[in-house]
Structures are given as structure tokens and as C-alpha cells.
Amino acid sequence: MPSARGQLGAWGEAAVVADLERRRFRIVARNQRIAGVEVDIVARKGRNWLVMEVKTAHGWRPEDSLFPKQIKRLRRAAAAIPAAFHCSPRQVGVVLAAVSVAEGSCPAIRFFDLLNR
């Protein structure tokens, strides 16, 4: 398990990607700018699309580090997905993947819907 902040974030994103792939999502993009917003992961399963932010932390709740301004920006990126990928706006979700890390154990990943928050 990495200790430096940037390494921890990349490790958390890789854990989320692996989890999504196990759930049969296709990873369309990683760390891509969409509508001027850096999006950690864009994933697709069938007709459903996810625009995801990943927060990873040791010993505290990573979801506490997501602020309203970030949620607004992610929603702006999600609004650009239908034009870019020819899908319905109703098929695009905005999700926070919170990765909690404890020494010597697998990461705990929780997903939060940010469209209805």
C-alpha cells in the first residue's frame, strides 16, 4: 500500500477500476478533462454511464473531502457526456467512489450517488 498522497490516490483509482471491471463495467476514460473538469473515471455498462470522482484516505472518511464546488463541476462534466457519446442524459450518473484504506487489509470501496445529493 503506497504512502505518498499522489501514490495513494492512484492506488485508490486502480482499486476502483478493478472493482468496476469485476462488475462488468467498461472503463471509457481515466483522468480526462470533460467540459473543463478533470474526471477520474468514465465508465459504461450497457446504456448506463458513470462520471466518477475517486477519493482515497487512510483512517478517515474519504467522502468528507468532497466539497459542493467539486460536485457542481462533476455534474457539469456529466452534462457533456450525452453529446460526446450519443446517449440520453437520463443514462448518465455522477458517483463518488470513497476508498478507505486500513493497514494490512483490502480497500473498502463505497459508492455515493452525487446527482441526488
PDB file of N, CA and C in Angstrom:
ATOM      1  N   MET A   1       0.845  -1.175   0.000  1.00  0.00           N
ATOM      2  CA  MET A   1       0.000   0.000   0.000  1.00  0.00           C
ATOM      3  C   MET A   1       0.891   1.240   0.000  1.00  0.00           C
ATOM      4  N   PRO A   2       0.716   2.133  -0.949  1.00  0.00           N
ATOM      5  CA  PRO A   2       1.557   3.316  -1.058  1.00  0.00           C
ATOM      6  C   PRO A   2       1.284   4.302   0.082  1.00  0.00           C
ATOM      7  N   SER A   3       2.281   5.139   0.353  1.00  0.00           N
ATOM      8  CA  SER A   3       2.113   6.096   1.434  1.00  0.00           C
ATOM      9  C   SER A   3       2.030   7.538   0.958  1.00  0.00           C
ATOM     10  N   ALA A   4       2.732   7.905  -0.101  1.00  0.00           N
ATOM     11  CA  ALA A   4       2.681   9.284  -0.585  1.00  0.00           C
ATOM     12  C   ALA A   4       1.281   9.588  -1.109  1.00  0.00           C
ATOM     13  N   ARG A   5       0.862  10.831  -0.940  1.00  0.00           N
ATOM     14  CA  ARG A   5      -0.509  11.214  -1.277  1.00  0.00           C
ATOM     15  C   ARG A   5      -0.891  10.900  -2.731  1.00  0.00           C
ATOM     16  N   GLY A   6      -0.018  11.296  -3.683  1.00  0.00           N
ATOM     17  CA  GLY A   6      -0.303  11.033  -5.096  1.00  0.00           C
ATOM     18  C   GLY A   6      -0.351   9.550  -5.402  1.00  0.00           C
ATOM     19  N   GLN A   7       0.569   8.808  -4.788  1.00  0.00           N
ATOM     20  CA  GLN A   7       0.580   7.353  -4.988  1.00  0.00           C
ATOM     21  C   GLN A   7      -0.665   6.714  -4.387  1.00  0.00           C
ATOM     22  N   LEU A   8      -1.096   7.209  -3.234  1.00  0.00           N
ATOM     23  CA  LEU A   8      -2.296   6.673  -2.596  1.00  0.00           C
ATOM     24  C   LEU A   8      -3.516   6.903  -3.472  1.00  0.00           C
ATOM     25  N   GLY A   9      -3.622   8.094  -4.065  1.00  0.00           N
ATOM     26  CA  GLY A   9      -4.746   8.399  -4.949  1.00  0.00           C
ATOM     27  C   GLY A   9      -4.764   7.503  -6.181  1.00  0.00           C
ATOM     28  N   ALA A  10      -3.609   7.302  -6.790  1.00  0.00           N
ATOM     29  CA  ALA A  10      -3.520   6.430  -7.974  1.00  0.00           C
ATOM     30  C   ALA A  10      -3.849   4.991  -7.592  1.00  0.00           C
ATOM     31  N   TRP A  11      -3.406   4.565  -6.417  1.00  0.00           N
ATOM     32  CA  TRP A  11      -3.698   3.219  -5.933  1.00  0.00           C
ATOM     33  C   TRP A  11      -5.207   3.046  -5.722  1.00  0.00           C
ATOM     34  N   GLY A  12      -5.853   4.067  -5.135  1.00  0.00           N
ATOM     35  CA  GLY A  12      -7.300   4.018  -4.919  1.00  0.00           C
ATOM     36  C   GLY A  12      -8.064   3.959  -6.235  1.00  0.00           C
ATOM     37  N   GLU A  13      -7.637   4.758  -7.217  1.00  0.00           N
ATOM     38  CA  GLU A  13      -8.286   4.726  -8.535  1.00  0.00           C
ATOM     39  C   GLU A  13      -8.146   3.345  -9.169  1.00  0.00           C
ATOM     40  N   ALA A  14      -6.965   2.748  -9.054  1.00  0.00           N
ATOM     41  CA  ALA A  14      -6.761   1.411  -9.621  1.00  0.00           C
ATOM     42  C   ALA A  14      -7.662   0.388  -8.935  1.00  0.00           C
ATOM     43  N   ALA A  15      -7.859   0.518  -7.633  1.00  0.00           N
ATOM     44  CA  ALA A  15      -8.750  -0.394  -6.900  1.00  0.00           C
ATOM     45  C   ALA A  15     -10.192  -0.244  -7.381  1.00  0.00           C
ATOM     46  N   VAL A  16     -10.620   1.002  -7.627  1.00  0.00           N
ATOM     47  CA  VAL A  16     -11.985   1.247  -8.112  1.00  0.00           C
ATOM     48  C   VAL A  16     -12.146   0.691  -9.527  1.00  0.00           C
ATOM     49  N   VAL A  17     -11.161   0.912 -10.389  1.00  0.00           N
ATOM     50  CA  VAL A  17     -11.220   0.380 -11.757  1.00  0.00           C
ATOM     51  C   VAL A  17     -11.347  -1.144 -11.715  1.00  0.00           C
ATOM     52  N   ALA A  18     -10.553  -1.797 -10.888  1.00  0.00           N
ATOM     53  CA  ALA A  18     -10.624  -3.262 -10.779  1.00  0.00           C
ATOM     54  C   ALA A  18     -12.005  -3.701 -10.303  1.00  0.00           C
ATOM     55  N   ASP A  19     -12.571  -2.972  -9.334  1.00  0.00           N
ATOM     56  CA  ASP A  19     -13.907  -3.305  -8.831  1.00  0.00           C
ATOM     57  C   ASP A  19     -14.962  -3.128  -9.925  1.00  0.00           C
ATOM     58  N   LEU A  20     -14.885  -2.031 -10.660  1.00  0.00           N
ATOM     59  CA  LEU A  20     -15.843  -1.794 -11.746  1.00  0.00           C
ATOM     60  C   LEU A  20     -15.733  -2.864 -12.827  1.00  0.00           C
ATOM     61  N   GLU A  21     -14.512  -3.233 -13.180  1.00  0.00           N
ATOM     62  CA  GLU A  21     -14.327  -4.266 -14.203  1.00  0.00           C
ATOM     63  C   GLU A  21     -14.881  -5.609 -13.735  1.00  0.00           C
ATOM     64  N   ARG A  22     -14.738  -5.916 -12.446  1.00  0.00           N
ATOM     65  CA  ARG A  22     -15.358  -7.151 -11.911  1.00  0.00           C
ATOM     66  C   ARG A  22     -16.876  -7.100 -12.040  1.00  0.00           C
ATOM     67  N   ARG A  23     -17.432  -5.896 -11.974  1.00  0.00           N
ATOM     68  CA  ARG A  23     -18.884  -5.711 -12.102  1.00  0.00           C
ATOM     69  C   ARG A  23     -19.307  -5.555 -13.565  1.00  0.00           C
ATOM     70  N   ARG A  24     -18.369  -5.792 -14.478  1.00  0.00           N
ATOM     71  CA  ARG A  24     -18.592  -5.771 -15.921  1.00  0.00           C
ATOM     72  C   ARG A  24     -18.834  -4.380 -16.508  1.00  0.00           C
ATOM     73  N   PHE A  25     -18.276  -3.363 -15.857  1.00  0.00           N
ATOM     74  CA  PHE A  25     -18.259  -2.029 -16.447  1.00  0.00           C
ATOM     75  C   PHE A  25     -17.064  -1.952 -17.389  1.00  0.00           C
ATOM     76  N   ARG A  26     -17.216  -1.156 -18.435  1.00  0.00           N
ATOM     77  CA  ARG A  26     -16.100  -0.890 -19.345  1.00  0.00           C
ATOM     78  C   ARG A  26     -15.557   0.489 -18.992  1.00  0.00           C
ATOM     79  N   ILE A  27     -14.274   0.584 -18.771  1.00  0.00           N
ATOM     80  CA  ILE A  27     -13.651   1.873 -18.460  1.00  0.00           C
ATOM     81  C   ILE A  27     -13.423   2.606 -19.788  1.00  0.00           C
ATOM     82  N   VAL A  28     -14.089   3.727 -19.956  1.00  0.00           N
ATOM     83  CA  VAL A  28     -14.024   4.502 -21.199  1.00  0.00           C
ATOM     84  C   VAL A  28     -12.881   5.515 -21.139  1.00  0.00           C
ATOM     85  N   ALA A  29     -12.671   6.109 -19.975  1.00  0.00           N
ATOM     86  CA  ALA A  29     -11.611   7.117 -19.831  1.00  0.00           C
ATOM     87  C   ALA A  29     -11.172   7.193 -18.377  1.00  0.00           C
ATOM     88  N   ARG A  30      -9.904   7.590 -18.212  1.00  0.00           N
ATOM     89  CA  ARG A  30      -9.356   7.836 -16.875  1.00  0.00           C
ATOM     90  C   ARG A  30      -8.604   9.158 -16.903  1.00  0.00           C
ATOM     91  N   ASN A  31      -8.814   9.952 -15.863  1.00  0.00           N
ATOM     92  CA  ASN A  31      -8.114  11.238 -15.706  1.00  0.00           C
ATOM     93  C   ASN A  31      -8.196  12.083 -16.978  1.00  0.00           C
ATOM     94  N   GLN A  32      -9.414  12.273 -17.431  1.00  0.00           N
ATOM     95  CA  GLN A  32      -9.654  13.019 -18.661  1.00  0.00           C
ATOM     96  C   GLN A  32     -10.413  14.297 -18.352  1.00  0.00           C
ATOM     97  N   ARG A  33     -10.113  15.343 -19.112  1.00  0.00           N
ATOM     98  CA  ARG A  33     -10.843  16.605 -18.960  1.00  0.00           C
ATOM     99  C   ARG A  33     -12.093  16.550 -19.829  1.00  0.00           C
ATOM    100  N   ILE A  34     -13.226  16.807 -19.196  1.00  0.00           N
ATOM    101  CA  ILE A  34     -14.508  16.847 -19.881  1.00  0.00           C
ATOM    102  C   ILE A  34     -15.188  18.140 -19.455  1.00  0.00           C
ATOM    103  N   ALA A  35     -15.532  18.977 -20.407  1.00  0.00           N
ATOM    104  CA  ALA A  35     -16.151  20.283 -20.139  1.00  0.00           C
ATOM    105  C   ALA A  35     -15.304  21.089 -19.149  1.00  0.00           C
ATOM    106  N   GLY A  36     -13.974  20.983 -19.288  1.00  0.00           N
ATOM    107  CA  GLY A  36     -13.070  21.735 -18.426  1.00  0.00           C
ATOM    108  C   GLY A  36     -12.876  21.163 -17.032  1.00  0.00           C
ATOM    109  N   VAL A  37     -13.378  19.961 -16.807  1.00  0.00           N
ATOM    110  CA  VAL A  37     -13.314  19.333 -15.489  1.00  0.00           C
ATOM    111  C   VAL A  37     -12.506  18.047 -15.599  1.00  0.00           C
ATOM    112  N   GLU A  38     -11.531  17.861 -14.704  1.00  0.00           N
ATOM    113  CA  GLU A  38     -10.803  16.590 -14.685  1.00  0.00           C
ATOM    114  C   GLU A  38     -11.683  15.543 -14.010  1.00  0.00           C
ATOM    115  N   VAL A  39     -11.966  14.483 -14.756  1.00  0.00           N
ATOM    116  CA  VAL A  39     -12.801  13.384 -14.268  1.00  0.00           C
ATOM    117  C   VAL A  39     -11.890  12.181 -14.055  1.00  0.00           C
ATOM    118  N   ASP A  40     -11.985  11.574 -12.874  1.00  0.00           N
ATOM    119  CA  ASP A  40     -11.107  10.438 -12.570  1.00  0.00           C
ATOM    120  C   ASP A  40     -11.425   9.226 -13.437  1.00  0.00           C
ATOM    121  N   ILE A  41     -12.712   8.884 -13.546  1.00  0.00           N
ATOM    122  CA  ILE A  41     -13.106   7.689 -14.303  1.00  0.00           C
ATOM    123  C   ILE A  41     -14.418   7.958 -15.026  1.00  0.00           C
ATOM    124  N   VAL A  42     -14.492   7.557 -16.283  1.00  0.00           N
ATOM    125  CA  VAL A  42     -15.758   7.469 -17.014  1.00  0.00           C
ATOM    126  C   VAL A  42     -15.924   5.997 -17.335  1.00  0.00           C
ATOM    127  N   ALA A  43     -17.053   5.440 -16.890  1.00  0.00           N
ATOM    128  CA  ALA A  43     -17.304   4.009 -17.080  1.00  0.00           C
ATOM    129  C   ALA A  43     -18.672   3.811 -17.698  1.00  0.00           C
ATOM    130  N   ARG A  44     -18.826   2.659 -18.352  1.00  0.00           N
ATOM    131  CA  ARG A  44     -20.091   2.361 -19.025  1.00  0.00           C
ATOM    132  C   ARG A  44     -20.447   0.895 -18.815  1.00  0.00           C
ATOM    133  N   LYS A  45     -21.735   0.666 -18.592  1.00  0.00           N
ATOM    134  CA  LYS A  45     -22.271  -0.696 -18.531  1.00  0.00           C
ATOM    135  C   LYS A  45     -23.605  -0.661 -19.257  1.00  0.00           C
ATOM    136  N   GLY A  46     -23.660  -1.330 -20.404  1.00  0.00           N
ATOM    137  CA  GLY A  46     -24.872  -1.258 -21.222  1.00  0.00           C
ATOM    138  C   GLY A  46     -25.099   0.168 -21.677  1.00  0.00           C
ATOM    139  N   ARG A  47     -26.282   0.685 -21.396  1.00  0.00           N
ATOM    140  CA  ARG A  47     -26.611   2.061 -21.780  1.00  0.00           C
ATOM    141  C   ARG A  47     -26.292   3.070 -20.682  1.00  0.00           C
ATOM    142  N   ASN A  48     -25.859   2.610 -19.535  1.00  0.00           N
ATOM    143  CA  ASN A  48     -25.615   3.485 -18.392  1.00  0.00           C
ATOM    144  C   ASN A  48     -24.159   3.926 -18.318  1.00  0.00           C
ATOM    145  N   TRP A  49     -23.980   5.212 -18.061  1.00  0.00           N
ATOM    146  CA  TRP A  49     -22.662   5.836 -17.980  1.00  0.00           C
ATOM    147  C   TRP A  49     -22.454   6.383 -16.576  1.00  0.00           C
ATOM    148  N   LEU A  50     -21.209   6.332 -16.095  1.00  0.00           N
ATOM    149  CA  LEU A  50     -20.861   6.911 -14.800  1.00  0.00           C
ATOM    150  C   LEU A  50     -19.699   7.879 -14.965  1.00  0.00           C
ATOM    151  N   VAL A  51     -19.853   9.047 -14.391  1.00  0.00           N
ATOM    152  CA  VAL A  51     -18.768  10.014 -14.267  1.00  0.00           C
ATOM    153  C   VAL A  51     -18.376   9.933 -12.801  1.00  0.00           C
ATOM    154  N   MET A  52     -17.098   9.580 -12.545  1.00  0.00           N
ATOM    155  CA  MET A  52     -16.704   9.268 -11.176  1.00  0.00           C
ATOM    156  C   MET A  52     -15.537  10.111 -10.676  1.00  0.00           C
ATOM    157  N   GLU A  53     -15.664  10.484  -9.424  1.00  0.00           N
ATOM    158  CA  GLU A  53     -14.570  11.069  -8.657  1.00  0.00           C
ATOM    159  C   GLU A  53     -14.154  10.016  -7.646  1.00  0.00           C
ATOM    160  N   VAL A  54     -12.852   9.822  -7.471  1.00  0.00           N
ATOM    161  CA  VAL A  54     -12.342   8.854  -6.506  1.00  0.00           C
ATOM    162  C   VAL A  54     -11.602   9.611  -5.413  1.00  0.00           C
ATOM    163  N   LYS A  55     -11.961   9.332  -4.162  1.00  0.00           N
ATOM    164  CA  LYS A  55     -11.260   9.892  -3.000  1.00  0.00           C
ATOM    165  C   LYS A  55     -10.752   8.713  -2.179  1.00  0.00           C
ATOM    166  N   THR A  56      -9.470   8.756  -1.829  1.00  0.00           N
ATOM    167  CA  THR A  56      -8.842   7.670  -1.083  1.00  0.00           C
ATOM    168  C   THR A  56      -8.204   8.240   0.174  1.00  0.00           C
ATOM    169  N   ALA A  57      -8.362   7.535   1.309  1.00  0.00           N
ATOM    170  CA  ALA A  57      -7.790   8.035   2.562  1.00  0.00           C
ATOM    171  C   ALA A  57      -7.462   6.898   3.522  1.00  0.00           C
ATOM    172  N   HIS A  58      -6.481   7.156   4.360  1.00  0.00           N
ATOM    173  CA  HIS A  58      -6.133   6.286   5.487  1.00  0.00           C
ATOM    174  C   HIS A  58      -6.881   6.782   6.722  1.00  0.00           C
ATOM    175  N   GLY A  59      -7.555   5.908   7.417  1.00  0.00           N
ATOM    176  CA  GLY A  59      -8.039   6.214   8.754  1.00  0.00           C
ATOM    177  C   GLY A  59      -9.120   7.264   8.907  1.00  0.00           C
ATOM    178  N   TRP A  60      -9.706   7.758   7.850  1.00  0.00           N
ATOM    179  CA  TRP A  60     -10.835   8.680   7.978  1.00  0.00           C
ATOM    180  C   TRP A  60     -11.735   8.527   6.765  1.00  0.00           C
ATOM    181  N   ARG A  61     -12.844   9.172   6.774  1.00  0.00           N
ATOM    182  CA  ARG A  61     -13.839   9.024   5.710  1.00  0.00           C
ATOM    183  C   ARG A  61     -13.456   9.869   4.487  1.00  0.00           C
ATOM    184  N   PRO A  62     -13.065   9.224   3.384  1.00  0.00           N
ATOM    185  CA  PRO A  62     -12.646   9.995   2.209  1.00  0.00           C
ATOM    186  C   PRO A  62     -13.774  10.845   1.630  1.00  0.00           C
ATOM    187  N   GLU A  63     -15.006  10.438   1.819  1.00  0.00           N
ATOM    188  CA  GLU A  63     -16.133  11.216   1.276  1.00  0.00           C
ATOM    189  C   GLU A  63     -16.237  12.594   1.910  1.00  0.00           C
ATOM    190  N   ASP A  64     -15.628  12.778   3.091  1.00  0.00           N
ATOM    191  CA  ASP A  64     -15.655  14.086   3.740  1.00  0.00           C
ATOM    192  C   ASP A  64     -14.788  15.118   3.025  1.00  0.00           C
ATOM    193  N   SER A  65     -13.946  14.675   2.095  1.00  0.00           N
ATOM    194  CA  SER A  65     -13.074  15.620   1.393  1.00  0.00           C
ATOM    195  C   SER A  65     -13.646  16.060   0.038  1.00  0.00           C
ATOM    196  N   LEU A  66     -14.893  15.714  -0.235  1.00  0.00           N
ATOM    197  CA  LEU A  66     -15.551  16.166  -1.463  1.00  0.00           C
ATOM    198  C   LEU A  66     -16.434  17.363  -1.122  1.00  0.00           C
ATOM    199  N   PHE A  67     -16.215  18.460  -1.813  1.00  0.00           N
ATOM    200  CA  PHE A  67     -16.899  19.703  -1.491  1.00  0.00           C
ATOM    201  C   PHE A  67     -17.976  20.030  -2.534  1.00  0.00           C
ATOM    202  N   PRO A  68     -18.978  20.840  -2.164  1.00  0.00           N
ATOM    203  CA  PRO A  68     -20.067  21.182  -3.087  1.00  0.00           C
ATOM    204  C   PRO A  68     -19.588  21.715  -4.432  1.00  0.00           C
ATOM    205  N   LYS A  69     -18.514  22.497  -4.440  1.00  0.00           N
ATOM    206  CA  LYS A  69     -17.987  23.038  -5.696  1.00  0.00           C
ATOM    207  C   LYS A  69     -17.535  21.895  -6.622  1.00  0.00           C
ATOM    208  N   GLN A  70     -16.920  20.864  -6.049  1.00  0.00           N
ATOM    209  CA  GLN A  70     -16.482  19.715  -6.843  1.00  0.00           C
ATOM    210  C   GLN A  70     -17.686  18.958  -7.408  1.00  0.00           C
ATOM    211  N   ILE A  71     -18.721  18.808  -6.610  1.00  0.00           N
ATOM    212  CA  ILE A  71     -19.929  18.118  -7.071  1.00  0.00           C
ATOM    213  C   ILE A  71     -20.528  18.876  -8.252  1.00  0.00           C
ATOM    214  N   LYS A  72     -20.593  20.188  -8.150  1.00  0.00           N
ATOM    215  CA  LYS A  72     -21.132  21.020  -9.236  1.00  0.00           C
ATOM    216  C   LYS A  72     -20.318  20.827 -10.512  1.00  0.00           C
ATOM    217  N   ARG A  73     -18.997  20.779 -10.387  1.00  0.00           N
ATOM    218  CA  ARG A  73     -18.127  20.596 -11.551  1.00  0.00           C
ATOM    219  C   ARG A  73     -18.320  19.209 -12.168  1.00  0.00           C
ATOM    220  N   LEU A  74     -18.464  18.188 -11.334  1.00  0.00           N
ATOM    221  CA  LEU A  74     -18.701  16.833 -11.857  1.00  0.00           C
ATOM    222  C   LEU A  74     -20.031  16.755 -12.599  1.00  0.00           C
ATOM    223  N   ARG A  75     -21.031  17.440 -12.089  1.00  0.00           N
ATOM    224  CA  ARG A  75     -22.333  17.474 -12.777  1.00  0.00           C
ATOM    225  C   ARG A  75     -22.202  18.161 -14.133  1.00  0.00           C
ATOM    226  N   ARG A  76     -21.366  19.200 -14.195  1.00  0.00           N
ATOM    227  CA  ARG A  76     -21.126  19.881 -15.475  1.00  0.00           C
ATOM    228  C   ARG A  76     -20.462  18.925 -16.464  1.00  0.00           C
ATOM    229  N   ALA A  77     -19.513  18.151 -16.006  1.00  0.00           N
ATOM    230  CA  ALA A  77     -18.862  17.160 -16.875  1.00  0.00           C
ATOM    231  C   ALA A  77     -19.880  16.116 -17.330  1.00  0.00           C
ATOM    232  N   ALA A  78     -20.719  15.666 -16.417  1.00  0.00           N
ATOM    233  CA  ALA A  78     -21.731  14.656 -16.764  1.00  0.00           C
ATOM    234  C   ALA A  78     -22.706  15.190 -17.806  1.00  0.00           C
ATOM    235  N   ALA A  79     -23.018  16.476 -17.736  1.00  0.00           N
ATOM    236  CA  ALA A  79     -23.938  17.071 -18.706  1.00  0.00           C
ATOM    237  C   ALA A  79     -23.353  17.063 -20.118  1.00  0.00           C
ATOM    238  N   ALA A  80     -22.013  16.992 -20.238  1.00  0.00           N
ATOM    239  CA  ALA A  80     -21.365  16.968 -21.550  1.00  0.00           C
ATOM    240  C   ALA A  80     -21.274  15.557 -22.134  1.00  0.00           C
ATOM    241  N   ILE A  81     -21.482  14.535 -21.341  1.00  0.00           N
ATOM    242  CA  ILE A  81     -21.346  13.148 -21.799  1.00  0.00           C
ATOM    243  C   ILE A  81     -22.330  12.803 -22.924  1.00  0.00           C
ATOM    244  N   PRO A  82     -23.621  13.165 -22.822  1.00  0.00           N
ATOM    245  CA  PRO A  82     -24.551  12.774 -23.891  1.00  0.00           C
ATOM    246  C   PRO A  82     -24.133  13.261 -25.277  1.00  0.00           C
ATOM    247  N   ALA A  83     -23.650  14.477 -25.387  1.00  0.00           N
ATOM    248  CA  ALA A  83     -23.228  14.985 -26.693  1.00  0.00           C
ATOM    249  C   ALA A  83     -21.973  14.268 -27.181  1.00  0.00           C
ATOM    250  N   ALA A  84     -21.058  13.973 -26.271  1.00  0.00           N
ATOM    251  CA  ALA A  84     -19.800  13.338 -26.659  1.00  0.00           C
ATOM    252  C   ALA A  84     -19.968  11.866 -27.027  1.00  0.00           C
ATOM    253  N   PHE A  85     -20.890  11.191 -26.345  1.00  0.00           N
ATOM    254  CA  PHE A  85     -21.014   9.739 -26.531  1.00  0.00           C
ATOM    255  C   PHE A  85     -22.390   9.300 -27.054  1.00  0.00           C
ATOM    256  N   HIS A  86     -23.212  10.258 -27.462  1.00  0.00           N
ATOM    257  CA  HIS A  86     -24.501   9.978 -28.103  1.00  0.00           C
ATOM    258  C   HIS A  86     -25.398   9.079 -27.239  1.00  0.00           C
ATOM    259  N   CYS A  87     -25.666   9.557 -26.032  1.00  0.00           N
ATOM    260  CA  CYS A  87     -26.574   8.835 -25.141  1.00  0.00           C
ATOM    261  C   CYS A  87     -27.543   9.831 -24.524  1.00  0.00           C
ATOM    262  N   SER A  88     -28.507   9.324 -23.818  1.00  0.00           N
ATOM    263  CA  SER A  88     -29.506  10.170 -23.172  1.00  0.00           C
ATOM    264  C   SER A  88     -28.962  10.721 -21.850  1.00  0.00           C
ATOM    265  N   PRO A  89     -29.304  11.958 -21.499  1.00  0.00           N
ATOM    266  CA  PRO A  89     -28.873  12.496 -20.198  1.00  0.00           C
ATOM    267  C   PRO A  89     -29.357  11.642 -19.024  1.00  0.00           C
ATOM    268  N   ARG A  90     -30.481  10.961 -19.199  1.00  0.00           N
ATOM    269  CA  ARG A  90     -31.010  10.103 -18.123  1.00  0.00           C
ATOM    270  C   ARG A  90     -30.131   8.879 -17.874  1.00  0.00           C
ATOM    271  N   GLN A  91     -29.225   8.598 -18.789  1.00  0.00           N
ATOM    272  CA  GLN A  91     -28.370   7.416 -18.679  1.00  0.00           C
ATOM    273  C   GLN A  91     -27.017   7.726 -18.043  1.00  0.00           C
ATOM    274  N   VAL A  92     -26.827   8.964 -17.572  1.00  0.00           N
ATOM    275  CA  VAL A  92     -25.541   9.372 -17.027  1.00  0.00           C
ATOM    276  C   VAL A  92     -25.669   9.628 -15.530  1.00  0.00           C
ATOM    277  N   GLY A  93     -24.828   8.971 -14.760  1.00  0.00           N
ATOM    278  CA  GLY A  93     -24.811   9.171 -13.320  1.00  0.00           C
ATOM    279  C   GLY A  93     -23.501   9.819 -12.889  1.00  0.00           C
ATOM    280  N   VAL A  94     -23.550  10.469 -11.735  1.00  0.00           N
ATOM    281  CA  VAL A  94     -22.356  11.075 -11.140  1.00  0.00           C
ATOM    282  C   VAL A  94     -22.143  10.379  -9.801  1.00  0.00           C
ATOM    283  N   VAL A  95     -20.959   9.806  -9.625  1.00  0.00           N
ATOM    284  CA  VAL A  95     -20.703   8.950  -8.474  1.00  0.00           C
ATOM    285  C   VAL A  95     -19.377   9.311  -7.818  1.00  0.00           C
ATOM    286  N   LEU A  96     -19.381   9.282  -6.495  1.00  0.00           N
ATOM    287  CA  LEU A  96     -18.148   9.364  -5.726  1.00  0.00           C
ATOM    288  C   LEU A  96     -17.794   7.947  -5.293  1.00  0.00           C
ATOM    289  N   ALA A  97     -16.569   7.537  -5.566  1.00  0.00           N
ATOM    290  CA  ALA A  97     -16.045   6.273  -5.048  1.00  0.00           C
ATOM    291  C   ALA A  97     -15.115   6.625  -3.897  1.00  0.00           C
ATOM    292  N   ALA A  98     -15.516   6.275  -2.672  1.00  0.00           N
ATOM    293  CA  ALA A  98     -14.722   6.557  -1.478  1.00  0.00           C
ATOM    294  C   ALA A  98     -13.969   5.286  -1.095  1.00  0.00           C
ATOM    295  N   VAL A  99     -12.650   5.369  -1.130  1.00  0.00           N
ATOM    296  CA  VAL A  99     -11.796   4.218  -0.850  1.00  0.00           C
ATOM    297  C   VAL A  99     -11.130   4.433   0.506  1.00  0.00           C
ATOM    298  N   SER A 100     -11.498   3.585   1.469  1.00  0.00           N
ATOM    299  CA  SER A 100     -10.899   3.643   2.803  1.00  0.00           C
ATOM    300  C   SER A 100      -9.838   2.563   2.899  1.00  0.00           C
ATOM    301  N   VAL A 101      -8.670   2.954   3.381  1.00  0.00           N
ATOM    302  CA  VAL A 101      -7.537   2.040   3.437  1.00  0.00           C
ATOM    303  C   VAL A 101      -7.149   1.808   4.891  1.00  0.00           C
ATOM    304  N   ALA A 102      -7.017   0.539   5.255  1.00  0.00           N
ATOM    305  CA  ALA A 102      -6.513   0.173   6.578  1.00  0.00           C
ATOM    306  C   ALA A 102      -5.284  -0.702   6.372  1.00  0.00           C
ATOM    307  N   GLU A 103      -4.296  -0.527   7.212  1.00  0.00           N
ATOM    308  CA  GLU A 103      -3.036  -1.272   7.105  1.00  0.00           C
ATOM    309  C   GLU A 103      -3.304  -2.771   7.087  1.00  0.00           C
ATOM    310  N   GLY A 104      -2.779  -3.444   6.063  1.00  0.00           N
ATOM    311  CA  GLY A 104      -2.847  -4.894   6.000  1.00  0.00           C
ATOM    312  C   GLY A 104      -4.176  -5.488   5.571  1.00  0.00           C
ATOM    313  N   SER A 105      -5.074  -4.683   5.041  1.00  0.00           N
ATOM    314  CA  SER A 105      -6.356  -5.231   4.592  1.00  0.00           C
ATOM    315  C   SER A 105      -6.711  -4.690   3.210  1.00  0.00           C
ATOM    316  N   CYS A 106      -7.700  -5.312   2.614  1.00  0.00           N
ATOM    317  CA  CYS A 106      -8.170  -4.865   1.295  1.00  0.00           C
ATOM    318  C   CYS A 106      -8.867  -3.515   1.446  1.00  0.00           C
ATOM    319  N   PRO A 107      -8.864  -2.701   0.403  1.00  0.00           N
ATOM    320  CA  PRO A 107      -9.549  -1.413   0.493  1.00  0.00           C
ATOM    321  C   PRO A 107     -11.062  -1.614   0.569  1.00  0.00           C
ATOM    322  N   ALA A 108     -11.709  -0.751   1.336  1.00  0.00           N
ATOM    323  CA  ALA A 108     -13.173  -0.734   1.398  1.00  0.00           C
ATOM    324  C   ALA A 108     -13.641   0.361   0.455  1.00  0.00           C
ATOM    325  N   ILE A 109     -14.449  -0.003  -0.530  1.00  0.00           N
ATOM    326  CA  ILE A 109     -14.922   0.958  -1.527  1.00  0.00           C
ATOM    327  C   ILE A 109     -16.422   1.151  -1.341  1.00  0.00           C
ATOM    328  N   ARG A 110     -16.810   2.418  -1.181  1.00  0.00           N
ATOM    329  CA  ARG A 110     -18.238   2.757  -1.087  1.00  0.00           C
ATOM    330  C   ARG A 110     -18.555   3.737  -2.206  1.00  0.00           C
ATOM    331  N   PHE A 111     -19.743   3.593  -2.781  1.00  0.00           N
ATOM    332  CA  PHE A 111     -20.160   4.453  -3.884  1.00  0.00           C
ATOM    333  C   PHE A 111     -21.310   5.343  -3.420  1.00  0.00           C
ATOM    334  N   PHE A 112     -21.229   6.634  -3.784  1.00  0.00           N
ATOM    335  CA  PHE A 112     -22.244   7.610  -3.408  1.00  0.00           C
ATOM    336  C   PHE A 112     -22.782   8.282  -4.667  1.00  0.00           C
ATOM    337  N   ASP A 113     -24.107   8.321  -4.803  1.00  0.00           N
ATOM    338  CA  ASP A 113     -24.767   8.995  -5.930  1.00  0.00           C
ATOM    339  C   ASP A 113     -24.704  10.506  -5.660  1.00  0.00           C
ATOM    340  N   LEU A 114     -24.118  11.255  -6.574  1.00  0.00           N
ATOM    341  CA  LEU A 114     -23.984  12.703  -6.383  1.00  0.00           C
ATOM    342  C   LEU A 114     -25.017  13.499  -7.163  1.00  0.00           C
ATOM    343  N   LEU A 115     -25.818  12.851  -7.982  1.00  0.00           N
ATOM    344  CA  LEU A 115     -26.870  13.600  -8.691  1.00  0.00           C
ATOM    345  C   LEU A 115     -28.003  13.972  -7.754  1.00  0.00           C
ATOM    346  N   ASN A 116     -28.253  13.142  -6.780  1.00  0.00           N
ATOM    347  CA  ASN A 116     -29.374  13.363  -5.879  1.00  0.00           C
ATOM    348  C   ASN A 116     -28.915  13.840  -4.509  1.00  0.00           C
ATOM    349  N   ARG A 117     -27.730  14.422  -4.439  1.00  0.00           N
ATOM    350  CA  ARG A 117     -27.181  14.861  -3.160  1.00  0.00           C
ATOM    351  C   ARG A 117     -27.338  16.351  -3.002  1.00  0.00           C
TER     352      ARG A 117
END
